[in-house]
Amino acid sequence: MATKLDKTIRREIEIDGEPFTIAISPAGFRLTKKRFRSGVALSWKSLWTRHAADAVSDPESHDE
């Protein structure tokens, strides 16, 4: 059984040698360059909506 996500989890990752912070929360996730405030945010609902739209437009590339 998976653990319920009930608070934000922050982790540092490296992309092309630069540090980033990813924050995973019940609302979605945010990827931000370390020491910066703005970043890219995506809600779980919009991620799922995009995934479903991609699956409909190209059923051959759909991963299950």
PDB file of N, CA and C in Angstrom:
ATOM      1  N   MET A   1       0.839  -1.172   0.000  1.00  0.00           N
ATOM      2  CA  MET A   1       0.000   0.000   0.000  1.00  0.00           C
ATOM      3  C   MET A   1       0.891   1.244   0.000  1.00  0.00           C
ATOM      4  N   ALA A   2       0.544   2.225  -0.786  1.00  0.00           N
ATOM      5  CA  ALA A   2       1.316   3.456  -0.883  1.00  0.00           C
ATOM      6  C   ALA A   2       0.977   4.401   0.268  1.00  0.00           C
ATOM      7  N   THR A   3       1.942   5.240   0.623  1.00  0.00           N
ATOM      8  CA  THR A   3       1.741   6.245   1.663  1.00  0.00           C
ATOM      9  C   THR A   3       1.042   7.460   1.066  1.00  0.00           C
ATOM     10  N   LYS A   4       0.022   7.942   1.742  1.00  0.00           N
ATOM     11  CA  LYS A   4      -0.728   9.105   1.269  1.00  0.00           C
ATOM     12  C   LYS A   4       0.144  10.358   1.340  1.00  0.00           C
ATOM     13  N   LEU A   5       0.090  11.151   0.290  1.00  0.00           N
ATOM     14  CA  LEU A   5       0.831  12.412   0.234  1.00  0.00           C
ATOM     15  C   LEU A   5      -0.032  13.483   0.888  1.00  0.00           C
ATOM     16  N   ASP A   6       0.322  13.878   2.112  1.00  0.00           N
ATOM     17  CA  ASP A   6      -0.499  14.857   2.827  1.00  0.00           C
ATOM     18  C   ASP A   6       0.242  16.150   3.152  1.00  0.00           C
ATOM     19  N   LYS A   7       1.523  16.224   2.781  1.00  0.00           N
ATOM     20  CA  LYS A   7       2.280  17.465   2.956  1.00  0.00           C
ATOM     21  C   LYS A   7       3.342  17.548   1.861  1.00  0.00           C
ATOM     22  N   THR A   8       3.924  18.708   1.694  1.00  0.00           N
ATOM     23  CA  THR A   8       4.903  18.934   0.636  1.00  0.00           C
ATOM     24  C   THR A   8       6.230  18.268   0.967  1.00  0.00           C
ATOM     25  N   ILE A   9       6.794  17.609  -0.038  1.00  0.00           N
ATOM     26  CA  ILE A   9       8.115  16.989   0.067  1.00  0.00           C
ATOM     27  C   ILE A   9       9.030  17.741  -0.888  1.00  0.00           C
ATOM     28  N   ARG A  10      10.183  18.179  -0.402  1.00  0.00           N
ATOM     29  CA  ARG A  10      11.146  18.892  -1.253  1.00  0.00           C
ATOM     30  C   ARG A  10      12.420  18.059  -1.395  1.00  0.00           C
ATOM     31  N   ARG A  11      12.913  17.991  -2.623  1.00  0.00           N
ATOM     32  CA  ARG A  11      14.154  17.281  -2.902  1.00  0.00           C
ATOM     33  C   ARG A  11      14.986  18.090  -3.873  1.00  0.00           C
ATOM     34  N   GLU A  12      16.292  17.947  -3.768  1.00  0.00           N
ATOM     35  CA  GLU A  12      17.184  18.615  -4.710  1.00  0.00           C
ATOM     36  C   GLU A  12      17.583  17.620  -5.791  1.00  0.00           C
ATOM     37  N   ILE A  13      17.561  18.096  -7.033  1.00  0.00           N
ATOM     38  CA  ILE A  13      18.002  17.286  -8.154  1.00  0.00           C
ATOM     39  C   ILE A  13      18.978  18.116  -8.979  1.00  0.00           C
ATOM     40  N   GLU A  14      19.698  17.461  -9.880  1.00  0.00           N
ATOM     41  CA  GLU A  14      20.653  18.149 -10.733  1.00  0.00           C
ATOM     42  C   GLU A  14      20.271  17.927 -12.188  1.00  0.00           C
ATOM     43  N   ILE A  15      20.204  19.019 -12.951  1.00  0.00           N
ATOM     44  CA  ILE A  15      19.898  18.950 -14.378  1.00  0.00           C
ATOM     45  C   ILE A  15      21.013  19.685 -15.104  1.00  0.00           C
ATOM     46  N   ASP A  16      21.731  18.989 -15.955  1.00  0.00           N
ATOM     47  CA  ASP A  16      22.870  19.571 -16.689  1.00  0.00           C
ATOM     48  C   ASP A  16      23.855  20.271 -15.757  1.00  0.00           C
ATOM     49  N   GLY A  17      24.107  19.666 -14.609  1.00  0.00           N
ATOM     50  CA  GLY A  17      25.081  20.199 -13.670  1.00  0.00           C
ATOM     51  C   GLY A  17      24.597  21.339 -12.805  1.00  0.00           C
ATOM     52  N   GLU A  18      23.328  21.739 -12.921  1.00  0.00           N
ATOM     53  CA  GLU A  18      22.789  22.838 -12.117  1.00  0.00           C
ATOM     54  C   GLU A  18      21.775  22.302 -11.109  1.00  0.00           C
ATOM     55  N   PRO A  19      21.801  22.833  -9.877  1.00  0.00           N
ATOM     56  CA  PRO A  19      20.875  22.348  -8.846  1.00  0.00           C
ATOM     57  C   PRO A  19      19.465  22.929  -9.006  1.00  0.00           C
ATOM     58  N   PHE A  20      18.480  22.074  -8.835  1.00  0.00           N
ATOM     59  CA  PHE A  20      17.070  22.452  -8.860  1.00  0.00           C
ATOM     60  C   PHE A  20      16.407  21.858  -7.637  1.00  0.00           C
ATOM     61  N   THR A  21      15.278  22.441  -7.251  1.00  0.00           N
ATOM     62  CA  THR A  21      14.462  21.890  -6.180  1.00  0.00           C
ATOM     63  C   THR A  21      13.134  21.457  -6.777  1.00  0.00           C
ATOM     64  N   ILE A  22      12.713  20.246  -6.447  1.00  0.00           N
ATOM     65  CA  ILE A  22      11.380  19.797  -6.848  1.00  0.00           C
ATOM     66  C   ILE A  22      10.556  19.664  -5.573  1.00  0.00           C
ATOM     67  N   ALA A  23       9.393  20.274  -5.590  1.00  0.00           N
ATOM     68  CA  ALA A  23       8.468  20.205  -4.460  1.00  0.00           C
ATOM     69  C   ALA A  23       7.233  19.437  -4.929  1.00  0.00           C
ATOM     70  N   ILE A  24       6.971  18.331  -4.256  1.00  0.00           N
ATOM     71  CA  ILE A  24       5.828  17.485  -4.586  1.00  0.00           C
ATOM     72  C   ILE A  24       4.803  17.646  -3.469  1.00  0.00           C
ATOM     73  N   SER A  25       3.581  18.055  -3.843  1.00  0.00           N
ATOM     74  CA  SER A  25       2.548  18.311  -2.845  1.00  0.00           C
ATOM     75  C   SER A  25       1.248  17.638  -3.273  1.00  0.00           C
ATOM     76  N   PRO A  26       0.243  17.627  -2.400  1.00  0.00           N
ATOM     77  CA  PRO A  26      -1.046  17.069  -2.786  1.00  0.00           C
ATOM     78  C   PRO A  26      -1.675  17.805  -3.972  1.00  0.00           C
ATOM     79  N   ALA A  27      -1.299  19.056  -4.207  1.00  0.00           N
ATOM     80  CA  ALA A  27      -1.870  19.834  -5.310  1.00  0.00           C
ATOM     81  C   ALA A  27      -1.164  19.576  -6.639  1.00  0.00           C
ATOM     82  N   GLY A  28       0.119  19.194  -6.607  1.00  0.00           N
ATOM     83  CA  GLY A  28       0.884  18.978  -7.829  1.00  0.00           C
ATOM     84  C   GLY A  28       2.361  19.061  -7.531  1.00  0.00           C
ATOM     85  N   PHE A  29       3.141  19.546  -8.505  1.00  0.00           N
ATOM     86  CA  PHE A  29       4.557  19.705  -8.247  1.00  0.00           C
ATOM     87  C   PHE A  29       5.088  20.986  -8.860  1.00  0.00           C
ATOM     88  N   ARG A  30       6.249  21.431  -8.334  1.00  0.00           N
ATOM     89  CA  ARG A  30       6.902  22.655  -8.800  1.00  0.00           C
ATOM     90  C   ARG A  30       8.396  22.357  -8.915  1.00  0.00           C
ATOM     91  N   LEU A  31       8.962  22.713 -10.064  1.00  0.00           N
ATOM     92  CA  LEU A  31      10.393  22.575 -10.303  1.00  0.00           C
ATOM     93  C   LEU A  31      10.975  23.981 -10.379  1.00  0.00           C
ATOM     94  N   THR A  32      11.953  24.268  -9.507  1.00  0.00           N
ATOM     95  CA  THR A  32      12.529  25.603  -9.398  1.00  0.00           C
ATOM     96  C   THR A  32      14.046  25.509  -9.380  1.00  0.00           C
ATOM     97  N   LYS A  33      14.690  26.408 -10.116  1.00  0.00           N
ATOM     98  CA  LYS A  33      16.140  26.485 -10.065  1.00  0.00           C
ATOM     99  C   LYS A  33      16.543  26.909  -8.662  1.00  0.00           C
ATOM    100  N   LYS A  34      17.537  26.269  -8.099  1.00  0.00           N
ATOM    101  CA  LYS A  34      17.973  26.550  -6.736  1.00  0.00           C
ATOM    102  C   LYS A  34      18.301  28.030  -6.588  1.00  0.00           C
ATOM    103  N   ARG A  35      17.870  28.632  -5.488  1.00  0.00           N
ATOM    104  CA  ARG A  35      18.057  30.038  -5.138  1.00  0.00           C
ATOM    105  C   ARG A  35      17.187  30.982  -5.970  1.00  0.00           C
ATOM    106  N   PHE A  36      16.174  30.467  -6.630  1.00  0.00           N
ATOM    107  CA  PHE A  36      15.221  31.292  -7.373  1.00  0.00           C
ATOM    108  C   PHE A  36      13.829  31.014  -6.825  1.00  0.00           C
ATOM    109  N   ARG A  37      12.930  31.966  -6.985  1.00  0.00           N
ATOM    110  CA  ARG A  37      11.567  31.808  -6.469  1.00  0.00           C
ATOM    111  C   ARG A  37      10.613  31.248  -7.498  1.00  0.00           C
ATOM    112  N   SER A  38      10.753  31.702  -8.742  1.00  0.00           N
ATOM    113  CA  SER A  38       9.805  31.246  -9.758  1.00  0.00           C
ATOM    114  C   SER A  38      10.293  29.934 -10.375  1.00  0.00           C
ATOM    115  N   GLY A  39       9.356  29.191 -10.873  1.00  0.00           N
ATOM    116  CA  GLY A  39       9.685  27.924 -11.495  1.00  0.00           C
ATOM    117  C   GLY A  39       8.518  27.453 -12.328  1.00  0.00           C
ATOM    118  N   VAL A  40       8.513  26.169 -12.603  1.00  0.00           N
ATOM    119  CA  VAL A  40       7.448  25.562 -13.389  1.00  0.00           C
ATOM    120  C   VAL A  40       6.565  24.756 -12.444  1.00  0.00           C
ATOM    121  N   ALA A  41       5.265  25.034 -12.471  1.00  0.00           N
ATOM    122  CA  ALA A  41       4.329  24.313 -11.616  1.00  0.00           C
ATOM    123  C   ALA A  41       3.303  23.603 -12.485  1.00  0.00           C
ATOM    124  N   LEU A  42       2.887  22.443 -12.020  1.00  0.00           N
ATOM    125  CA  LEU A  42       1.891  21.665 -12.740  1.00  0.00           C
ATOM    126  C   LEU A  42       1.024  20.937 -11.722  1.00  0.00           C
ATOM    127  N   SER A  43      -0.286  21.088 -11.863  1.00  0.00           N
ATOM    128  CA  SER A  43      -1.189  20.386 -10.941  1.00  0.00           C
ATOM    129  C   SER A  43      -1.353  18.947 -11.420  1.00  0.00           C
ATOM    130  N   TRP A  44      -1.741  18.082 -10.513  1.00  0.00           N
ATOM    131  CA  TRP A  44      -1.943  16.675 -10.876  1.00  0.00           C
ATOM    132  C   TRP A  44      -3.065  16.548 -11.900  1.00  0.00           C
ATOM    133  N   LYS A  45      -4.106  17.371 -11.748  1.00  0.00           N
ATOM    134  CA  LYS A  45      -5.227  17.312 -12.681  1.00  0.00           C
ATOM    135  C   LYS A  45      -4.793  17.707 -14.094  1.00  0.00           C
ATOM    136  N   SER A  46      -4.009  18.777 -14.224  1.00  0.00           N
ATOM    137  CA  SER A  46      -3.568  19.185 -15.562  1.00  0.00           C
ATOM    138  C   SER A  46      -2.601  18.170 -16.157  1.00  0.00           C
ATOM    139  N   LEU A  47      -1.779  17.546 -15.333  1.00  0.00           N
ATOM    140  CA  LEU A  47      -0.889  16.488 -15.818  1.00  0.00           C
ATOM    141  C   LEU A  47      -1.704  15.321 -16.363  1.00  0.00           C
ATOM    142  N   TRP A  48      -2.723  14.914 -15.630  1.00  0.00           N
ATOM    143  CA  TRP A  48      -3.564  13.805 -16.071  1.00  0.00           C
ATOM    144  C   TRP A  48      -4.344  14.163 -17.334  1.00  0.00           C
ATOM    145  N   THR A  49      -4.844  15.403 -17.398  1.00  0.00           N
ATOM    146  CA  THR A  49      -5.588  15.857 -18.576  1.00  0.00           C
ATOM    147  C   THR A  49      -4.699  15.826 -19.811  1.00  0.00           C
ATOM    148  N   ARG A  50      -3.463  16.293 -19.679  1.00  0.00           N
ATOM    149  CA  ARG A  50      -2.513  16.253 -20.803  1.00  0.00           C
ATOM    150  C   ARG A  50      -2.208  14.819 -21.207  1.00  0.00           C
ATOM    151  N   HIS A  51      -2.023  13.953 -20.242  1.00  0.00           N
ATOM    152  CA  HIS A  51      -1.738  12.545 -20.517  1.00  0.00           C
ATOM    153  C   HIS A  51      -2.898  11.906 -21.279  1.00  0.00           C
ATOM    154  N   ALA A  52      -4.102  12.159 -20.829  1.00  0.00           N
ATOM    155  CA  ALA A  52      -5.286  11.596 -21.487  1.00  0.00           C
ATOM    156  C   ALA A  52      -5.418  12.136 -22.907  1.00  0.00           C
ATOM    157  N   ALA A  53      -5.157  13.421 -23.105  1.00  0.00           N
ATOM    158  CA  ALA A  53      -5.240  14.014 -24.440  1.00  0.00           C
ATOM    159  C   ALA A  53      -4.181  13.414 -25.360  1.00  0.00           C
ATOM    160  N   ASP A  54      -2.972  13.190 -24.840  1.00  0.00           N
ATOM    161  CA  ASP A  54      -1.914  12.568 -25.641  1.00  0.00           C
ATOM    162  C   ASP A  54      -2.282  11.136 -26.021  1.00  0.00           C
ATOM    163  N   ALA A  55      -2.895  10.417 -25.108  1.00  0.00           N
ATOM    164  CA  ALA A  55      -3.281   9.034 -25.378  1.00  0.00           C
ATOM    165  C   ALA A  55      -4.346   8.954 -26.462  1.00  0.00           C
ATOM    166  N   VAL A  56      -5.250   9.908 -26.466  1.00  0.00           N
ATOM    167  CA  VAL A  56      -6.308   9.931 -27.476  1.00  0.00           C
ATOM    168  C   VAL A  56      -5.737  10.310 -28.843  1.00  0.00           C
ATOM    169  N   SER A  57      -4.828  11.300 -28.880  1.00  0.00           N
ATOM    170  CA  SER A  57      -4.293  11.760 -30.146  1.00  0.00           C
ATOM    171  C   SER A  57      -3.298  10.783 -30.757  1.00  0.00           C
ATOM    172  N   ASP A  58      -2.601   9.975 -29.937  1.00  0.00           N
ATOM    173  CA  ASP A  58      -1.610   9.032 -30.449  1.00  0.00           C
ATOM    174  C   ASP A  58      -1.654   7.742 -29.620  1.00  0.00           C
ATOM    175  N   PRO A  59      -2.635   6.875 -29.874  1.00  0.00           N
ATOM    176  CA  PRO A  59      -2.780   5.663 -29.053  1.00  0.00           C
ATOM    177  C   PRO A  59      -1.604   4.701 -29.146  1.00  0.00           C
ATOM    178  N   GLU A  60      -0.799   4.759 -30.206  1.00  0.00           N
ATOM    179  CA  GLU A  60       0.339   3.858 -30.360  1.00  0.00           C
ATOM    180  C   GLU A  60       1.457   4.181 -29.382  1.00  0.00           C
ATOM    181  N   SER A  61       1.600   5.444 -28.965  1.00  0.00           N
ATOM    182  CA  SER A  61       2.677   5.820 -28.060  1.00  0.00           C
ATOM    183  C   SER A  61       2.252   5.800 -26.598  1.00  0.00           C
ATOM    184  N   HIS A  62       1.055   5.334 -26.319  1.00  0.00           N
ATOM    185  CA  HIS A  62       0.518   5.311 -24.965  1.00  0.00           C
ATOM    186  C   HIS A  62       1.226   4.237 -24.141  1.00  0.00           C
ATOM    187  N   ASP A  63       1.806   4.632 -22.993  1.00  0.00           N
ATOM    188  CA  ASP A  63       2.503   3.704 -22.097  1.00  0.00           C
ATOM    189  C   ASP A  63       1.540   3.209 -21.031  1.00  0.00           C
ATOM    190  N   GLU A  64       1.504   1.931 -20.811  1.00  0.00           N
ATOM    191  CA  GLU A  64       0.673   1.365 -19.736  1.00  0.00           C
ATOM    192  C   GLU A  64       1.498   0.435 -18.909  1.00  0.00           C
TER     193      GLU A  64
END
